[in-house]
């Protein structure tokens, strides 16, 4: 996960599904996490991506790839799921 942390409390319940770019974020709070066994390999690119996100510089990767590691995607996934109905 690399990017600004989403503000779950600021999401409009009438419009829970929105693009990542329009998701409200907590000001000044960024996350870089979840490297696992490949931390040494990915840390330089992840650090560059985070620096670009913070400063507004051009991203070192395509926008869809940056969205794939955006922490807000987990919040979108949780809000887009339909509750399961209990069946006997």
PDB file of N, CA and C in Angstrom:
ATOM      1  N   UNK A   1       0.850  -1.167   0.000  1.00  0.00           N
ATOM      2  CA  UNK A   1       0.000   0.000   0.000  1.00  0.00           C
ATOM      3  C   UNK A   1       0.893   1.226   0.000  1.00  0.00           C
ATOM      4  N   UNK A   2       0.615   2.102  -0.931  1.00  0.00           N
ATOM      5  CA  UNK A   2       1.393   3.323  -1.052  1.00  0.00           C
ATOM      6  C   UNK A   2       0.449   4.453  -1.412  1.00  0.00           C
ATOM      7  N   UNK A   3       0.366   5.482  -0.584  1.00  0.00           N
ATOM      8  CA  UNK A   3      -0.450   6.628  -0.931  1.00  0.00           C
ATOM      9  C   UNK A   3      -1.094   7.290   0.263  1.00  0.00           C
ATOM     10  N   UNK A   4      -1.963   8.256  -0.036  1.00  0.00           N
ATOM     11  CA  UNK A   4      -2.683   8.990   1.003  1.00  0.00           C
ATOM     12  C   UNK A   4      -3.774   8.103   1.601  1.00  0.00           C
ATOM     13  N   UNK A   5      -3.953   8.220   2.896  1.00  0.00           N
ATOM     14  CA  UNK A   5      -4.948   7.408   3.597  1.00  0.00           C
ATOM     15  C   UNK A   5      -6.334   8.019   3.383  1.00  0.00           C
ATOM     16  N   UNK A   6      -7.289   7.183   3.029  1.00  0.00           N
ATOM     17  CA  UNK A   6      -8.657   7.626   2.772  1.00  0.00           C
ATOM     18  C   UNK A   6      -9.363   7.972   4.077  1.00  0.00           C
ATOM     19  N   UNK A   7     -10.253   8.944   4.007  1.00  0.00           N
ATOM     20  CA  UNK A   7     -11.046   9.370   5.157  1.00  0.00           C
ATOM     21  C   UNK A   7     -12.407   8.697   5.079  1.00  0.00           C
ATOM     22  N   UNK A   8     -12.557   7.591   5.775  1.00  0.00           N
ATOM     23  CA  UNK A   8     -13.797   6.808   5.717  1.00  0.00           C
ATOM     24  C   UNK A   8     -14.983   7.595   6.260  1.00  0.00           C
ATOM     25  N   UNK A   9     -14.757   8.447   7.247  1.00  0.00           N
ATOM     26  CA  UNK A   9     -15.851   9.208   7.846  1.00  0.00           C
ATOM     27  C   UNK A   9     -16.382  10.285   6.907  1.00  0.00           C
ATOM     28  N   UNK A  10     -15.591  10.713   5.938  1.00  0.00           N
ATOM     29  CA  UNK A  10     -16.008  11.791   5.040  1.00  0.00           C
ATOM     30  C   UNK A  10     -16.702  11.293   3.780  1.00  0.00           C
ATOM     31  N   UNK A  11     -16.844   9.989   3.622  1.00  0.00           N
ATOM     32  CA  UNK A  11     -17.489   9.454   2.431  1.00  0.00           C
ATOM     33  C   UNK A  11     -18.998   9.613   2.557  1.00  0.00           C
ATOM     34  N   UNK A  12     -19.596  10.152   1.525  1.00  0.00           N
ATOM     35  CA  UNK A  12     -21.033  10.384   1.482  1.00  0.00           C
ATOM     36  C   UNK A  12     -21.759   9.045   1.360  1.00  0.00           C
ATOM     37  N   UNK A  13     -22.613   8.685   2.333  1.00  0.00           N
ATOM     38  CA  UNK A  13     -23.321   7.401   2.256  1.00  0.00           C
ATOM     39  C   UNK A  13     -24.230   7.295   1.032  1.00  0.00           C
ATOM     40  N   UNK A  14     -24.673   8.435   0.508  1.00  0.00           N
ATOM     41  CA  UNK A  14     -25.531   8.399  -0.672  1.00  0.00           C
ATOM     42  C   UNK A  14     -24.726   8.080  -1.927  1.00  0.00           C
ATOM     43  N   UNK A  15     -23.424   8.252  -1.858  1.00  0.00           N
ATOM     44  CA  UNK A  15     -22.555   7.977  -3.003  1.00  0.00           C
ATOM     45  C   UNK A  15     -21.316   7.213  -2.529  1.00  0.00           C
ATOM     46  N   UNK A  16     -21.482   5.980  -2.050  1.00  0.00           N
ATOM     47  CA  UNK A  16     -20.336   5.248  -1.516  1.00  0.00           C
ATOM     48  C   UNK A  16     -19.356   4.809  -2.589  1.00  0.00           C
ATOM     49  N   UNK A  17     -19.823   4.587  -3.796  1.00  0.00           N
ATOM     50  CA  UNK A  17     -18.948   4.129  -4.857  1.00  0.00           C
ATOM     51  C   UNK A  17     -18.482   5.328  -5.674  1.00  0.00           C
ATOM     52  N   UNK A  18     -17.187   5.572  -5.675  1.00  0.00           N
ATOM     53  CA  UNK A  18     -16.604   6.683  -6.405  1.00  0.00           C
ATOM     54  C   UNK A  18     -15.213   6.299  -6.866  1.00  0.00           C
ATOM     55  N   UNK A  19     -14.689   6.984  -7.865  1.00  0.00           N
ATOM     56  CA  UNK A  19     -13.319   6.693  -8.305  1.00  0.00           C
ATOM     57  C   UNK A  19     -12.311   7.015  -7.209  1.00  0.00           C
ATOM     58  N   UNK A  20     -11.191   6.337  -7.216  1.00  0.00           N
ATOM     59  CA  UNK A  20     -10.147   6.574  -6.220  1.00  0.00           C
ATOM     60  C   UNK A  20      -9.698   8.029  -6.204  1.00  0.00           C
ATOM     61  N   UNK A  21      -9.618   8.661  -7.357  1.00  0.00           N
ATOM     62  CA  UNK A  21      -9.148  10.042  -7.429  1.00  0.00           C
ATOM     63  C   UNK A  21     -10.079  11.009  -6.699  1.00  0.00           C
ATOM     64  N   UNK A  22     -11.352  10.668  -6.566  1.00  0.00           N
ATOM     65  CA  UNK A  22     -12.325  11.542  -5.903  1.00  0.00           C
ATOM     66  C   UNK A  22     -12.526  11.196  -4.432  1.00  0.00           C
ATOM     67  N   UNK A  23     -11.854  10.183  -3.940  1.00  0.00           N
ATOM     68  CA  UNK A  23     -12.033   9.759  -2.559  1.00  0.00           C
ATOM     69  C   UNK A  23     -11.426  10.791  -1.606  1.00  0.00           C
ATOM     70  N   UNK A  24     -12.166  11.186  -0.557  1.00  0.00           N
ATOM     71  CA  UNK A  24     -11.598  12.129   0.408  1.00  0.00           C
ATOM     72  C   UNK A  24     -10.436  11.482   1.165  1.00  0.00           C
ATOM     73  N   UNK A  25      -9.415  12.281   1.416  1.00  0.00           N
ATOM     74  CA  UNK A  25      -8.205  11.787   2.089  1.00  0.00           C
ATOM     75  C   UNK A  25      -7.976  12.554   3.381  1.00  0.00           C
ATOM     76  N   UNK A  26      -7.289  11.926   4.311  1.00  0.00           N
ATOM     77  CA  UNK A  26      -6.881  12.598   5.536  1.00  0.00           C
ATOM     78  C   UNK A  26      -5.676  13.476   5.197  1.00  0.00           C
ATOM     79  N   UNK A  27      -5.757  14.765   5.453  1.00  0.00           N
ATOM     80  CA  UNK A  27      -4.670  15.666   5.047  1.00  0.00           C
ATOM     81  C   UNK A  27      -3.359  15.345   5.754  1.00  0.00           C
ATOM     82  N   UNK A  28      -2.309  15.194   4.965  1.00  0.00           N
ATOM     83  CA  UNK A  28      -0.970  14.990   5.496  1.00  0.00           C
ATOM     84  C   UNK A  28      -0.659  13.589   5.981  1.00  0.00           C
ATOM     85  N   UNK A  29      -1.575  12.639   5.819  1.00  0.00           N
ATOM     86  CA  UNK A  29      -1.333  11.282   6.296  1.00  0.00           C
ATOM     87  C   UNK A  29      -1.148  10.342   5.108  1.00  0.00           C
ATOM     88  N   UNK A  30       0.057   9.813   4.980  1.00  0.00           N
ATOM     89  CA  UNK A  30       0.406   8.908   3.885  1.00  0.00           C
ATOM     90  C   UNK A  30       0.872   7.584   4.457  1.00  0.00           C
ATOM     91  N   UNK A  31       0.775   6.545   3.643  1.00  0.00           N
ATOM     92  CA  UNK A  31       1.109   5.190   4.080  1.00  0.00           C
ATOM     93  C   UNK A  31       1.990   4.522   3.040  1.00  0.00           C
ATOM     94  N   UNK A  32       2.997   3.837   3.526  1.00  0.00           N
ATOM     95  CA  UNK A  32       3.802   2.970   2.664  1.00  0.00           C
ATOM     96  C   UNK A  32       4.037   1.709   3.491  1.00  0.00           C
ATOM     97  N   UNK A  33       3.484   0.592   3.024  1.00  0.00           N
ATOM     98  CA  UNK A  33       3.421  -0.603   3.860  1.00  0.00           C
ATOM     99  C   UNK A  33       3.229  -1.835   2.995  1.00  0.00           C
ATOM    100  N   UNK A  34       3.537  -2.993   3.554  1.00  0.00           N
ATOM    101  CA  UNK A  34       3.194  -4.266   2.937  1.00  0.00           C
ATOM    102  C   UNK A  34       4.187  -4.771   1.911  1.00  0.00           C
ATOM    103  N   UNK A  35       5.475  -4.601   2.151  1.00  0.00           N
ATOM    104  CA  UNK A  35       6.470  -5.058   1.180  1.00  0.00           C
ATOM    105  C   UNK A  35       6.695  -6.568   1.214  1.00  0.00           C
ATOM    106  N   UNK A  36       6.600  -7.152   2.364  1.00  0.00           N
ATOM    107  CA  UNK A  36       6.823  -8.588   2.471  1.00  0.00           C
ATOM    108  C   UNK A  36       8.258  -8.969   2.149  1.00  0.00           C
ATOM    109  N   UNK A  37       8.426 -10.107   1.511  1.00  0.00           N
ATOM    110  CA  UNK A  37       9.754 -10.640   1.223  1.00  0.00           C
ATOM    111  C   UNK A  37      10.488  -9.847   0.143  1.00  0.00           C
ATOM    112  N   UNK A  38       9.785  -9.027  -0.605  1.00  0.00           N
ATOM    113  CA  UNK A  38      10.418  -8.277  -1.697  1.00  0.00           C
ATOM    114  C   UNK A  38      10.679  -6.821  -1.325  1.00  0.00           C
ATOM    115  N   UNK A  39      10.811  -6.524  -0.059  1.00  0.00           N
ATOM    116  CA  UNK A  39      10.997  -5.158   0.404  1.00  0.00           C
ATOM    117  C   UNK A  39      12.219  -4.472  -0.168  1.00  0.00           C
ATOM    118  N   UNK A  40      13.330  -5.162  -0.237  1.00  0.00           N
ATOM    119  CA  UNK A  40      14.554  -4.571  -0.778  1.00  0.00           C
ATOM    120  C   UNK A  40      14.362  -4.231  -2.255  1.00  0.00           C
ATOM    121  N   UNK A  41      13.704  -5.085  -2.986  1.00  0.00           N
ATOM    122  CA  UNK A  41      13.514  -4.880  -4.421  1.00  0.00           C
ATOM    123  C   UNK A  41      12.582  -3.702  -4.696  1.00  0.00           C
ATOM    124  N   UNK A  42      11.475  -3.619  -3.972  1.00  0.00           N
ATOM    125  CA  UNK A  42      10.451  -2.626  -4.267  1.00  0.00           C
ATOM    126  C   UNK A  42      10.585  -1.318  -3.499  1.00  0.00           C
ATOM    127  N   UNK A  43      11.444  -1.246  -2.497  1.00  0.00           N
ATOM    128  CA  UNK A  43      11.474  -0.060  -1.640  1.00  0.00           C
ATOM    129  C   UNK A  43      11.877   1.212  -2.380  1.00  0.00           C
ATOM    130  N   UNK A  44      12.801   1.148  -3.305  1.00  0.00           N
ATOM    131  CA  UNK A  44      13.231   2.354  -4.025  1.00  0.00           C
ATOM    132  C   UNK A  44      12.099   2.903  -4.891  1.00  0.00           C
ATOM    133  N   UNK A  45      11.431   2.048  -5.642  1.00  0.00           N
ATOM    134  CA  UNK A  45      10.315   2.498  -6.479  1.00  0.00           C
ATOM    135  C   UNK A  45       9.154   2.985  -5.613  1.00  0.00           C
ATOM    136  N   UNK A  46       8.878   2.280  -4.528  1.00  0.00           N
ATOM    137  CA  UNK A  46       7.789   2.683  -3.638  1.00  0.00           C
ATOM    138  C   UNK A  46       8.079   4.037  -2.999  1.00  0.00           C
ATOM    139  N   UNK A  47       9.305   4.258  -2.592  1.00  0.00           N
ATOM    140  CA  UNK A  47       9.683   5.543  -2.017  1.00  0.00           C
ATOM    141  C   UNK A  47       9.558   6.670  -3.025  1.00  0.00           C
ATOM    142  N   UNK A  48       9.970   6.406  -4.259  1.00  0.00           N
ATOM    143  CA  UNK A  48       9.835   7.406  -5.321  1.00  0.00           C
ATOM    144  C   UNK A  48       8.368   7.717  -5.596  1.00  0.00           C
ATOM    145  N   UNK A  49       7.536   6.689  -5.640  1.00  0.00           N
ATOM    146  CA  UNK A  49       6.105   6.887  -5.868  1.00  0.00           C
ATOM    147  C   UNK A  49       5.493   7.714  -4.742  1.00  0.00           C
ATOM    148  N   UNK A  50       5.821   7.396  -3.509  1.00  0.00           N
ATOM    149  CA  UNK A  50       5.278   8.138  -2.378  1.00  0.00           C
ATOM    150  C   UNK A  50       5.737   9.595  -2.411  1.00  0.00           C
ATOM    151  N   UNK A  51       6.992   9.826  -2.729  1.00  0.00           N
ATOM    152  CA  UNK A  51       7.496  11.199  -2.817  1.00  0.00           C
ATOM    153  C   UNK A  51       6.763  11.980  -3.902  1.00  0.00           C
ATOM    154  N   UNK A  52       6.493  11.350  -5.028  1.00  0.00           N
ATOM    155  CA  UNK A  52       5.758  12.010  -6.115  1.00  0.00           C
ATOM    156  C   UNK A  52       4.314  12.297  -5.720  1.00  0.00           C
ATOM    157  N   UNK A  53       3.693  11.381  -4.996  1.00  0.00           N
ATOM    158  CA  UNK A  53       2.323  11.597  -4.542  1.00  0.00           C
ATOM    159  C   UNK A  53       2.248  12.760  -3.556  1.00  0.00           C
ATOM    160  N   UNK A  54       3.235  12.870  -2.685  1.00  0.00           N
ATOM    161  CA  UNK A  54       3.245  13.939  -1.691  1.00  0.00           C
ATOM    162  C   UNK A  54       3.505  15.297  -2.339  1.00  0.00           C
ATOM    163  N   UNK A  55       4.448  15.345  -3.260  1.00  0.00           N
ATOM    164  CA  UNK A  55       4.845  16.630  -3.855  1.00  0.00           C
ATOM    165  C   UNK A  55       4.035  17.016  -5.081  1.00  0.00           C
ATOM    166  N   UNK A  56       3.291  16.087  -5.655  1.00  0.00           N
ATOM    167  CA  UNK A  56       2.530  16.371  -6.860  1.00  0.00           C
ATOM    168  C   UNK A  56       3.354  16.274  -8.133  1.00  0.00           C
ATOM    169  N   UNK A  57       4.529  15.696  -8.049  1.00  0.00           N
ATOM    170  CA  UNK A  57       5.388  15.504  -9.220  1.00  0.00           C
ATOM    171  C   UNK A  57       4.816  14.391 -10.095  1.00  0.00           C
ATOM    172  N   UNK A  58       5.240  14.312 -11.352  1.00  0.00           N
ATOM    173  CA  UNK A  58       4.771  13.218 -12.214  1.00  0.00           C
ATOM    174  C   UNK A  58       5.115  11.852 -11.610  1.00  0.00           C
ATOM    175  N   UNK A  59       4.186  10.922 -11.727  1.00  0.00           N
ATOM    176  CA  UNK A  59       4.372   9.591 -11.139  1.00  0.00           C
ATOM    177  C   UNK A  59       5.392   8.782 -11.930  1.00  0.00           C
ATOM    178  N   UNK A  60       6.191   7.949 -11.246  1.00  0.00           N
ATOM    179  CA  UNK A  60       7.166   7.114 -11.942  1.00  0.00           C
ATOM    180  C   UNK A  60       6.557   5.871 -12.586  1.00  0.00           C
ATOM    181  N   UNK A  61       5.276   5.641 -12.351  1.00  0.00           N
ATOM    182  CA  UNK A  61       4.553   4.497 -12.921  1.00  0.00           C
ATOM    183  C   UNK A  61       3.243   5.015 -13.514  1.00  0.00           C
ATOM    184  N   UNK A  62       2.572   4.186 -14.298  1.00  0.00           N
ATOM    185  CA  UNK A  62       1.285   4.564 -14.876  1.00  0.00           C
ATOM    186  C   UNK A  62       0.252   4.778 -13.762  1.00  0.00           C
ATOM    187  N   UNK A  63      -0.725   5.623 -14.036  1.00  0.00           N
ATOM    188  CA  UNK A  63      -1.745   5.950 -13.034  1.00  0.00           C
ATOM    189  C   UNK A  63      -2.522   4.715 -12.579  1.00  0.00           C
ATOM    190  N   UNK A  64      -2.785   3.771 -13.485  1.00  0.00           N
ATOM    191  CA  UNK A  64      -3.525   2.568 -13.079  1.00  0.00           C
ATOM    192  C   UNK A  64      -2.697   1.705 -12.137  1.00  0.00           C
ATOM    193  N   UNK A  65      -1.380   1.708 -12.295  1.00  0.00           N
ATOM    194  CA  UNK A  65      -0.526   0.966 -11.369  1.00  0.00           C
ATOM    195  C   UNK A  65      -0.470   1.652 -10.006  1.00  0.00           C
ATOM    196  N   UNK A  66      -0.442   2.969 -10.005  1.00  0.00           N
ATOM    197  CA  UNK A  66      -0.475   3.702  -8.736  1.00  0.00           C
ATOM    198  C   UNK A  66      -1.798   3.441  -8.018  1.00  0.00           C
ATOM    199  N   UNK A  67      -2.887   3.358  -8.768  1.00  0.00           N
ATOM    200  CA  UNK A  67      -4.181   3.043  -8.172  1.00  0.00           C
ATOM    201  C   UNK A  67      -4.245   1.635  -7.607  1.00  0.00           C
ATOM    202  N   UNK A  68      -3.469   0.735  -8.188  1.00  0.00           N
ATOM    203  CA  UNK A  68      -3.466  -0.661  -7.722  1.00  0.00           C
ATOM    204  C   UNK A  68      -2.828  -0.805  -6.346  1.00  0.00           C
ATOM    205  N   UNK A  69      -2.008   0.163  -5.938  1.00  0.00           N
ATOM    206  CA  UNK A  69      -1.375   0.098  -4.614  1.00  0.00           C
ATOM    207  C   UNK A  69      -1.940   1.160  -3.677  1.00  0.00           C
ATOM    208  N   UNK A  70      -2.968   1.886  -4.103  1.00  0.00           N
ATOM    209  CA  UNK A  70      -3.589   2.941  -3.296  1.00  0.00           C
ATOM    210  C   UNK A  70      -4.299   2.324  -2.099  1.00  0.00           C
ATOM    211  N   UNK A  71      -4.047   2.824  -0.874  1.00  0.00           N
ATOM    212  CA  UNK A  71      -4.735   2.270   0.299  1.00  0.00           C
ATOM    213  C   UNK A  71      -6.253   2.425   0.245  1.00  0.00           C
ATOM    214  N   UNK A  72      -6.753   3.394  -0.491  1.00  0.00           N
ATOM    215  CA  UNK A  72      -8.196   3.613  -0.580  1.00  0.00           C
ATOM    216  C   UNK A  72      -8.941   2.510  -1.292  1.00  0.00           C
ATOM    217  N   UNK A  73      -8.229   1.679  -2.036  1.00  0.00           N
ATOM    218  CA  UNK A  73      -8.918   0.613  -2.778  1.00  0.00           C
ATOM    219  C   UNK A  73      -9.592  -0.379  -1.828  1.00  0.00           C
ATOM    220  N   UNK A  74      -9.036  -0.552  -0.636  1.00  0.00           N
ATOM    221  CA  UNK A  74      -9.649  -1.467   0.326  1.00  0.00           C
ATOM    222  C   UNK A  74     -10.964  -0.901   0.847  1.00  0.00           C
ATOM    223  N   UNK A  75     -11.017   0.398   1.022  1.00  0.00           N
ATOM    224  CA  UNK A  75     -12.247   1.025   1.475  1.00  0.00           C
ATOM    225  C   UNK A  75     -13.315   0.946   0.388  1.00  0.00           C
ATOM    226  N   UNK A  76     -12.925   1.126  -0.862  1.00  0.00           N
ATOM    227  CA  UNK A  76     -13.876   0.985  -1.966  1.00  0.00           C
ATOM    228  C   UNK A  76     -14.392  -0.435  -2.064  1.00  0.00           C
ATOM    229  N   UNK A  77     -13.496  -1.389  -1.922  1.00  0.00           N
ATOM    230  CA  UNK A  77     -13.906  -2.781  -2.027  1.00  0.00           C
ATOM    231  C   UNK A  77     -14.921  -3.119  -0.944  1.00  0.00           C
ATOM    232  N   UNK A  78     -14.691  -2.636   0.265  1.00  0.00           N
ATOM    233  CA  UNK A  78     -15.616  -2.922   1.360  1.00  0.00           C
ATOM    234  C   UNK A  78     -16.961  -2.271   1.177  1.00  0.00           C
ATOM    235  N   UNK A  79     -16.992  -1.071   0.591  1.00  0.00           N
ATOM    236  CA  UNK A  79     -18.258  -0.359   0.403  1.00  0.00           C
ATOM    237  C   UNK A  79     -19.038  -0.860  -0.800  1.00  0.00           C
ATOM    238  N   UNK A  80     -18.355  -1.438  -1.786  1.00  0.00           N
ATOM    239  CA  UNK A  80     -19.033  -1.914  -2.986  1.00  0.00           C
ATOM    240  C   UNK A  80     -19.634  -3.302  -2.817  1.00  0.00           C
ATOM    241  N   UNK A  81     -19.244  -3.996  -1.777  1.00  0.00           N
ATOM    242  CA  UNK A  81     -19.783  -5.342  -1.560  1.00  0.00           C
ATOM    243  C   UNK A  81     -21.205  -5.276  -1.054  1.00  0.00           C
ATOM    244  N   UNK A  82     -22.004  -6.174  -1.538  1.00  0.00           N
ATOM    245  CA  UNK A  82     -23.378  -6.293  -1.079  1.00  0.00           C
ATOM    246  C   UNK A  82     -23.403  -7.225   0.132  1.00  0.00           C
ATOM    247  N   UNK A  83     -24.188  -6.898   1.142  1.00  0.00           N
ATOM    248  CA  UNK A  83     -24.269  -7.794   2.304  1.00  0.00           C
ATOM    249  C   UNK A  83     -24.875  -9.129   1.898  1.00  0.00           C
ATOM    250  N   UNK A  84     -24.317 -10.182   2.459  1.00  0.00           N
ATOM    251  CA  UNK A  84     -24.829 -11.532   2.166  1.00  0.00           C
ATOM    252  C   UNK A  84     -26.101 -11.759   2.958  1.00  0.00           C
ATOM    253  N   UNK A  85     -27.043 -12.398   2.327  1.00  0.00           N
ATOM    254  CA  UNK A  85     -28.260 -12.774   3.053  1.00  0.00           C
ATOM    255  C   UNK A  85     -28.039 -14.180   3.612  1.00  0.00           C
ATOM    256  N   UNK A  86     -28.454 -14.365   4.837  1.00  0.00           N
ATOM    257  CA  UNK A  86     -28.293 -15.675   5.478  1.00  0.00           C
ATOM    258  C   UNK A  86     -29.367 -16.625   4.956  1.00  0.00           C
ATOM    259  N   UNK A  87     -28.904 -17.717   4.402  1.00  0.00           N
ATOM    260  CA  UNK A  87     -29.836 -18.739   3.891  1.00  0.00           C
ATOM    261  C   UNK A  87     -29.651 -20.013   4.691  1.00  0.00           C
ATOM    262  N   UNK A  88     -30.734 -20.663   4.972  1.00  0.00           N
ATOM    263  CA  UNK A  88     -30.668 -21.938   5.709  1.00  0.00           C
ATOM    264  C   UNK A  88     -30.626 -23.098   4.786  1.00  0.00           C
TER     265      UNK A  88
END
